[in-house]
C-alpha atoms as a PDB file:
ATOM      1  CA  MET A   1     109.991 -28.631  99.031  1.00  0.00           C
ATOM      2  CA  GLN A   2     106.857 -30.133  99.001  1.00  0.00           C
ATOM      3  CA  LYS A   3     105.789 -27.076 101.937  1.00  0.00           C
ATOM      4  CA  LEU A   4     106.638 -24.800 100.061  1.00  0.00           C
ATOM      5  CA  ILE A   5     104.887 -25.510  96.440  1.00  0.00           C
ATOM      6  CA  LEU A   6     101.738 -26.493  98.715  1.00  0.00           C
ATOM      7  CA  ILE A   7     101.889 -22.655 100.310  1.00  0.00           C
ATOM      8  CA  PHE A   8     102.638 -20.904  97.003  1.00  0.00           C
ATOM      9  CA  VAL A   9      99.330 -23.235  95.252  1.00  0.00           C
ATOM     10  CA  LEU A  10      97.301 -21.846  98.170  1.00  0.00           C
ATOM     11  CA  ALA A  11      98.444 -18.546  98.014  1.00  0.00           C
ATOM     12  CA  LEU A  12      97.337 -18.463  94.148  1.00  0.00           C
ATOM     13  CA  VAL A  13      94.189 -20.365  95.084  1.00  0.00           C
ATOM     14  CA  SER A  14      92.812 -18.480  97.912  1.00  0.00           C
ATOM     15  CA  SER A  15      93.834 -14.880  96.086  1.00  0.00           C
ATOM     16  CA  GLY A  16      92.163 -15.961  92.836  1.00  0.00           C
ATOM     17  CA  SER A  17      88.709 -17.661  93.030  1.00  0.00           C
ATOM     18  CA  TRP A  18      87.973 -16.095  96.604  1.00  0.00           C
ATOM     19  CA  GLY A  19      89.538 -12.845  96.264  1.00  0.00           C
ATOM     20  CA  ASP A  20      87.933  -9.274  95.901  1.00  0.00           C
ATOM     21  CA  PHE A  21      86.135  -8.034  92.878  1.00  0.00           C
ATOM     22  CA  SER A  22      84.930  -5.225  91.814  1.00  0.00           C
ATOM     23  CA  CYS A  23      81.620  -3.785  89.970  1.00  0.00           C
ATOM     24  CA  PRO A  24      81.590  -0.641  87.735  1.00  0.00           C
ATOM     25  CA  ASP A  25      81.069   2.135  89.265  1.00  0.00           C
ATOM     26  CA  GLY A  26      76.975   3.214  90.207  1.00  0.00           C
ATOM     27  CA  THR A  27      76.196  -0.798  90.334  1.00  0.00           C
ATOM     28  CA  ASN A  28      76.067  -3.380  93.086  1.00  0.00           C
ATOM     29  CA  ALA A  29      77.240  -7.163  93.369  1.00  0.00           C
ATOM     30  CA  ALA A  30      74.323  -9.675  93.441  1.00  0.00           C
ATOM     31  CA  CYS A  31      74.430 -13.174  94.518  1.00  0.00           C
ATOM     32  CA  LEU A  32      72.864 -15.364  92.386  1.00  0.00           C
ATOM     33  CA  ASP A  33      71.557 -18.899  92.687  1.00  0.00           C
ATOM     34  CA  ASN A  34      71.098 -21.582  90.222  1.00  0.00           C
ATOM     35  CA  GLY A  35      69.385 -20.275  86.701  1.00  0.00           C
ATOM     36  CA  ASP A  36      68.675 -16.637  88.234  1.00  0.00           C
ATOM     37  CA  GLN A  37      69.311 -14.645  85.293  1.00  0.00           C
ATOM     38  CA  VAL A  38      70.829 -11.177  85.019  1.00  0.00           C
ATOM     39  CA  CYS A  39      68.988  -8.595  83.288  1.00  0.00           C
ATOM     40  CA  PRO A  40      70.723  -4.869  83.115  1.00  0.00           C
ATOM     41  CA  GLY A  41      68.315  -2.163  83.253  1.00  0.00           C
ATOM     42  CA  SER A  42      68.556  -1.159  79.747  1.00  0.00           C
ATOM     43  CA  ALA A  43      67.313  -4.617  78.716  1.00  0.00           C
ATOM     44  CA  LYS A  44      64.190  -6.455  79.199  1.00  0.00           C
ATOM     45  CA  CYS A  45      64.346 -10.316  80.678  1.00  0.00           C
ATOM     46  CA  VAL A  46      61.908 -12.849  79.000  1.00  0.00           C
ATOM     47  CA  ASN A  47      61.496 -16.880  79.644  1.00  0.00           C
ATOM     48  CA  ASN A  48      62.874 -19.233  77.278  1.00  0.00           C
ATOM     49  CA  ASP A  49      60.059 -20.188  75.974  1.00  0.00           C
ATOM     50  CA  ASP A  50      58.473 -17.133  74.512  1.00  0.00           C
ATOM     51  CA  VAL A  51      58.357 -15.565  71.208  1.00  0.00           C
ATOM     52  CA  CYS A  52      59.100 -12.283  70.892  1.00  0.00           C
ATOM     53  CA  PHE A  53      59.719 -10.562  68.101  1.00  0.00           C
ATOM     54  CA  ASP A  54      62.824  -8.193  66.437  1.00  0.00           C
ATOM     55  CA  LYS A  55      63.386  -4.986  67.425  1.00  0.00           C
ATOM     56  CA  HIS A  56      61.889  -3.376  63.789  1.00  0.00           C
ATOM     57  CA  THR A  57      59.058  -4.725  64.079  1.00  0.00           C
ATOM     58  CA  CYS A  58      57.411  -2.011  65.751  1.00  0.00           C
ATOM     59  CA  PRO A  59      58.909   1.176  64.340  1.00  0.00           C
ATOM     60  CA  SER A  60      57.473   2.993  66.804  1.00  0.00           C
ATOM     61  CA  GLY A  61      59.888   2.613  70.399  1.00  0.00           C
ATOM     62  CA  GLY A  62      62.656   0.639  68.710  1.00  0.00           C
ATOM     63  CA  SER A  63      62.612  -1.758  71.734  1.00  0.00           C
ATOM     64  CA  PHE A  64      61.116  -5.554  71.550  1.00  0.00           C
ATOM     65  CA  ILE A  65      57.978  -6.998  73.020  1.00  0.00           C
ATOM     66  CA  CYS A  66      56.655 -10.181  73.726  1.00  0.00           C
ATOM     67  CA  GLU A  67      54.192 -12.151  71.910  1.00  0.00           C
ATOM     68  CA  SER A  68      51.862 -12.970  74.636  1.00  0.00           C
ATOM     69  CA  GLU A  69      52.290  -9.168  75.589  1.00  0.00           C
ATOM     70  CA  TYR A  70      50.985  -7.950  71.967  1.00  0.00           C
ATOM     71  CA  ASP A  71      48.251  -9.949  72.002  1.00  0.00           C
ATOM     72  CA  ASP A  72      47.302  -7.970  75.402  1.00  0.00           C
ATOM     73  CA  ILE A  73      47.548  -5.369  73.587  1.00  0.00           C
ATOM     74  CA  LEU A  74      45.900  -6.034  70.412  1.00  0.00           C
ATOM     75  CA  ASN A  75      42.873  -7.245  72.379  1.00  0.00           C
ATOM     76  CA  ASN A  76      42.859  -4.157  74.647  1.00  0.00           C
ATOM     77  CA  TYR A  77      43.110  -2.223  71.471  1.00  0.00           C
ATOM     78  CA  LYS A  78      39.922  -4.241  69.863  1.00  0.00           C
ATOM     79  CA  LYS A  79      38.152  -3.380  73.007  1.00  0.00           C
ATOM     80  CA  VAL A  80      38.805   0.323  72.930  1.00  0.00           C
ATOM     81  CA  VAL A  81      37.539   0.506  69.055  1.00  0.00           C
ATOM     82  CA  SER A  82      34.562  -1.538  69.747  1.00  0.00           C
ATOM     83  CA  GLN A  83      33.711   1.250  72.425  1.00  0.00           C
ATOM     84  CA  HIS A  84      34.821   4.068  70.366  1.00  0.00           C
ATOM     85  CA  ASN A  85      31.951   2.297  67.304  1.00  0.00           C
ATOM     86  CA  ASP A  86      29.395   2.004  70.003  1.00  0.00           C
ATOM     87  CA  LEU A  87      29.792   5.772  71.011  1.00  0.00           C
ATOM     88  CA  ILE A  88      29.763   6.538  67.303  1.00  0.00           C
ATOM     89  CA  SER A  89      26.285   4.937  66.744  1.00  0.00           C
ATOM     90  CA  GLU A  90      25.270   6.383  70.122  1.00  0.00           C
ATOM     91  CA  ASN A  91      25.670   9.874  69.199  1.00  0.00           C
ATOM     92  CA  VAL A  92      24.575   9.053  65.718  1.00  0.00           C
ATOM     93  CA  ASP A  93      21.324   7.990  66.958  1.00  0.00           C
ATOM     94  CA  LEU A  94      21.116  11.323  69.750  1.00  0.00           C
ATOM     95  CA  ARG A  95      22.050  13.661  66.606  1.00  0.00           C
ATOM     96  CA  GLU A  96      18.939  12.071  65.118  1.00  0.00           C
ATOM     97  CA  ARG A  97      16.737  11.659  67.885  1.00  0.00           C
ATOM     98  CA  ARG A  98      17.358  15.626  68.185  1.00  0.00           C
ATOM     99  CA  LEU A  99      16.963  16.563  64.808  1.00  0.00           C
ATOM    100  CA  GLU A 100      13.246  15.254  64.546  1.00  0.00           C
ATOM    101  CA  GLN A 101      12.450  16.954  67.895  1.00  0.00           C
ATOM    102  CA  LYS A 102      13.509  20.117  66.599  1.00  0.00           C
ATOM    103  CA  ASN A 103      11.769  19.817  63.457  1.00  0.00           C
ATOM    104  CA  CYS A 104       8.732  18.762  65.331  1.00  0.00           C
ATOM    105  CA  VAL A 105       8.698  21.620  67.507  1.00  0.00           C
ATOM    106  CA  LEU A 106       9.548  23.828  64.659  1.00  0.00           C
ATOM    107  CA  ASN A 107       6.116  22.075  63.086  1.00  0.00           C
ATOM    108  CA  ALA A 108       4.070  22.733  66.194  1.00  0.00           C
ATOM    109  CA  SER A 109       0.818  24.508  66.203  1.00  0.00           C
ATOM    110  CA  THR A 110       0.902  25.142  70.069  1.00  0.00           C
ATOM    111  CA  LEU A 111       2.855  25.600  72.840  1.00  0.00           C
ATOM    112  CA  GLU A 112       1.414  22.294  74.275  1.00  0.00           C
ATOM    113  CA  ASN A 113       2.203  19.874  71.086  1.00  0.00           C
ATOM    114  CA  ALA A 114       5.792  21.934  70.743  1.00  0.00           C
ATOM    115  CA  HIS A 115       5.905  20.227  74.793  1.00  0.00           C
ATOM    116  CA  ARG A 116       5.024  17.083  73.562  1.00  0.00           C
ATOM    117  CA  CYS A 117       7.904  16.628  71.120  1.00  0.00           C
ATOM    118  CA  VAL A 118      10.383  17.183  73.783  1.00  0.00           C
ATOM    119  CA  GLN A 119       9.144  14.709  76.210  1.00  0.00           C
END
């Protein structure tokens, strides 16, 4: 009788814990080590110590963003704004210089004087 119970228990254990498993269509099985994370393709994995904002923080995409990524984006934005402001300032200087040259040429009494205006 003990042999029968032992065989029955072994059959249950082997079919239950070591049995086949299946994955949903279009997915693959994976072997994981201790500490591994599983993140679906529709999600974003982050470290436990990351600071993340709620998905409704930014109205643009509806997804969340981590503080470090936000800081990088903000720094890049500030850099681009600074470049834009430098270009605007340079454009104003060039327009003023062009206007001065134009007025100089218009007021020049000789071709030689007009030529000096644009050099």
